[in-house]
Amino acid sequence: MKQAHPARSDPAHRASGPAATHRSLERGLAAIELVAAAGSPLALAEIARRLGLHRSTAHHLLQTLVALGWLRQEEDSRGYALSARPYQLTGRKWSVAQVGEIAQPLLEKLTAETGEGSSVAAWVDGIVTIAAKREHDGPVRVVQDVGGTRPVYCTAVGKAIAGWLPRAEVLAALAREPMVALTPKTITTVPAFEQELRRIRNAGYALDDEEQFEGLRCIAMPVFCHTGEVLGSICVVGPKHRMTHQKIASVRAPLGKFARELSQRLGFVDAGRK
């Protein structure tokens, strides 16, 4: 009787051979493609179901991809989403929708900590666009529209972005958008705006003290991405009677914390930069 070849009879060899490596690679790529196409974080059970894997196998696979930096796992939902690594490798930038998806859980926490509404704006194609929001739960709230655009020159989210843009890009944005006086406090000249941007860079944050709408105040900080460029901003906004100067000072710490965390989730590595 012919003896079986050891390489074919040894389970350990079969588990670690070329076929197993090929299968693991296929599964890993399939998981990355699945999560990337989902548009929102996917739960372990859903990923296992779609890939036809046992839950424990899927968990091991996903945790490996997280450890390697291809996926990230949400702290609250424990769902899996694409990390910044594919964008770092390709040099591509995040879309408005992707920024909003990543920012939403952080806005929930920011509003809970500050007791005021919050939002994230993205700078894409030279336009400030609201990517995500979390409104205050009380009777007096600032309604924000996801997908809506904001002026660069008279909003905190716009100025927080402009403060870290190249001067030529700022001037081009101002040329496309007339600096109309929306309130008595609106900045309407380029020299005054450039002076404001110098103050913003030194302070690390931007303020809208009734510059767009009377009765509203907002504080915003820049958000950076994997390329090192400013990609957007994150803000806390509320009515003037609640957003006193003392309140604005008190929300700077949590706002800065979440601005740094969002930047890190977008692949920014220099946490010391303002």
Foldseek 3Di string as FASTA:
>chain_A
DDDDDVCVPDVVNVCPDPVVVVVLVVLLVVLLVVQAPPLAFADLVVSCVVSVHDSVVSVVSQVVCVVVQQWPADPPPRGIHGFQVVCLVVVDADDLQRLQRLCAVLQVVLCVVQQFKKFKWFQDPNWTFTSHIDWRPDPFTDDDDHGDTDQLQQAFFNLQQVLQDPPVSVVVSCVVPQQDQQDPPGDHDPVVSVVQSVVCQVVQKGKRQCRNHPQKIKIKGFAAAQVRHTTTIMMGMGGDVSPDVVSVVVSPVSRLVSSLVSNVRRNDDCSPHD
